[in-house]
Amino acid sequence: MARVICSRCHYPEKTCVCEHIETLECSTEIIILQHPDETQHAKGSARLVSLTLSKAQCVVGETADDF
């Protein structure tokens, strides 16, 4: 049986952190360039940063053409 995953934070429902995430208003736009291999890491820090900062965006790619 597959685990139920939270659609917002992408952690298993049992360890969902959404109730602890506070979005911070930020005047600076932040773009996180993430390697595709990193998207499968359990910690998901790039994803968490994009949930925390109002103007953060996570872009996945390997080369300059991907971005």
C-alpha atoms as a PDB file:
ATOM      1  CA  MET A   1       0.000   0.000   0.000  1.00  0.00           C
ATOM      2  CA  ALA A   2       1.393   3.411  -1.002  1.00  0.00           C
ATOM      3  CA  ARG A   3       1.773   6.185   1.551  1.00  0.00           C
ATOM      4  CA  VAL A   4      -0.536   9.164   1.340  1.00  0.00           C
ATOM      5  CA  ILE A   5       1.509  12.229   0.363  1.00  0.00           C
ATOM      6  CA  CYS A   6       0.622  15.828   1.197  1.00  0.00           C
ATOM      7  CA  SER A   7      -0.068  17.750  -2.020  1.00  0.00           C
ATOM      8  CA  ARG A   8       1.486  20.974  -0.667  1.00  0.00           C
ATOM      9  CA  CYS A   9       4.734  19.987   1.106  1.00  0.00           C
ATOM     10  CA  HIS A  10       5.086  16.563  -0.576  1.00  0.00           C
ATOM     11  CA  TYR A  11       5.969  14.817   2.674  1.00  0.00           C
ATOM     12  CA  PRO A  12       4.091  11.695   3.772  1.00  0.00           C
ATOM     13  CA  GLU A  13       0.830  12.697   5.440  1.00  0.00           C
ATOM     14  CA  LYS A  14       2.110  11.362   8.766  1.00  0.00           C
ATOM     15  CA  THR A  15       5.054  13.805   8.714  1.00  0.00           C
ATOM     16  CA  CYS A  16       3.378  16.737   6.909  1.00  0.00           C
ATOM     17  CA  VAL A  17       4.897  20.067   7.983  1.00  0.00           C
ATOM     18  CA  CYS A  18       2.301  22.412   6.462  1.00  0.00           C
ATOM     19  CA  GLU A  19       0.860  23.522   9.798  1.00  0.00           C
ATOM     20  CA  HIS A  20       4.341  24.721  10.800  1.00  0.00           C
ATOM     21  CA  ILE A  21       5.126  26.639   7.604  1.00  0.00           C
ATOM     22  CA  GLU A  22       4.777  30.404   7.814  1.00  0.00           C
ATOM     23  CA  THR A  23       5.024  32.332   4.567  1.00  0.00           C
ATOM     24  CA  LEU A  24       7.333  35.322   4.848  1.00  0.00           C
ATOM     25  CA  GLU A  25       6.804  38.366   2.666  1.00  0.00           C
ATOM     26  CA  CYS A  26       9.973  39.115   0.768  1.00  0.00           C
ATOM     27  CA  SER A  27      10.648  42.068  -1.522  1.00  0.00           C
ATOM     28  CA  THR A  28      13.394  40.196  -3.395  1.00  0.00           C
ATOM     29  CA  GLU A  29      12.526  37.523  -5.940  1.00  0.00           C
ATOM     30  CA  ILE A  30      14.493  34.334  -5.244  1.00  0.00           C
ATOM     31  CA  ILE A  31      14.964  31.656  -7.894  1.00  0.00           C
ATOM     32  CA  ILE A  32      16.343  28.310  -6.750  1.00  0.00           C
ATOM     33  CA  LEU A  33      18.083  26.326  -9.498  1.00  0.00           C
ATOM     34  CA  GLN A  34      17.757  22.661  -8.555  1.00  0.00           C
ATOM     35  CA  HIS A  35      19.392  19.635 -10.182  1.00  0.00           C
ATOM     36  CA  PRO A  36      16.819  16.929 -11.145  1.00  0.00           C
ATOM     37  CA  ASP A  37      18.537  14.361  -8.881  1.00  0.00           C
ATOM     38  CA  GLU A  38      17.884  16.641  -5.896  1.00  0.00           C
ATOM     39  CA  THR A  39      14.104  16.560  -6.396  1.00  0.00           C
ATOM     40  CA  GLN A  40      13.983  13.005  -5.032  1.00  0.00           C
ATOM     41  CA  HIS A  41      15.842  13.754  -1.787  1.00  0.00           C
ATOM     42  CA  ALA A  42      13.671  13.224   1.264  1.00  0.00           C
ATOM     43  CA  LYS A  43      14.536  16.523   2.954  1.00  0.00           C
ATOM     44  CA  GLY A  44      13.322  18.650   0.059  1.00  0.00           C
ATOM     45  CA  SER A  45      14.861  21.869   1.377  1.00  0.00           C
ATOM     46  CA  ALA A  46      14.490  23.719  -1.956  1.00  0.00           C
ATOM     47  CA  ARG A  47      10.777  22.885  -1.974  1.00  0.00           C
ATOM     48  CA  LEU A  48      10.413  24.027   1.645  1.00  0.00           C
ATOM     49  CA  VAL A  49      12.135  27.343   0.924  1.00  0.00           C
ATOM     50  CA  SER A  50       9.760  27.960  -1.978  1.00  0.00           C
ATOM     51  CA  LEU A  51       6.818  27.343   0.389  1.00  0.00           C
ATOM     52  CA  THR A  52       8.248  29.672   3.031  1.00  0.00           C
ATOM     53  CA  LEU A  53       9.266  32.727   0.998  1.00  0.00           C
ATOM     54  CA  SER A  54       6.511  34.562  -0.876  1.00  0.00           C
ATOM     55  CA  LYS A  55       8.635  35.369  -3.927  1.00  0.00           C
ATOM     56  CA  ALA A  56      10.673  32.167  -4.169  1.00  0.00           C
ATOM     57  CA  GLN A  57      10.483  29.861  -7.141  1.00  0.00           C
ATOM     58  CA  CYS A  58      12.170  26.499  -7.661  1.00  0.00           C
ATOM     59  CA  VAL A  59      13.295  25.643 -11.219  1.00  0.00           C
ATOM     60  CA  VAL A  60      14.598  22.157 -12.000  1.00  0.00           C
ATOM     61  CA  GLY A  61      17.215  21.527 -14.682  1.00  0.00           C
ATOM     62  CA  GLU A  62      20.777  20.490 -15.464  1.00  0.00           C
ATOM     63  CA  THR A  63      22.078  22.883 -18.094  1.00  0.00           C
ATOM     64  CA  ALA A  64      21.735  26.580 -18.900  1.00  0.00           C
ATOM     65  CA  ASP A  65      19.227  25.659 -21.633  1.00  0.00           C
ATOM     66  CA  ASP A  66      16.944  24.122 -18.989  1.00  0.00           C
ATOM     67  CA  PHE A  67      16.724  27.447 -17.195  1.00  0.00           C
END
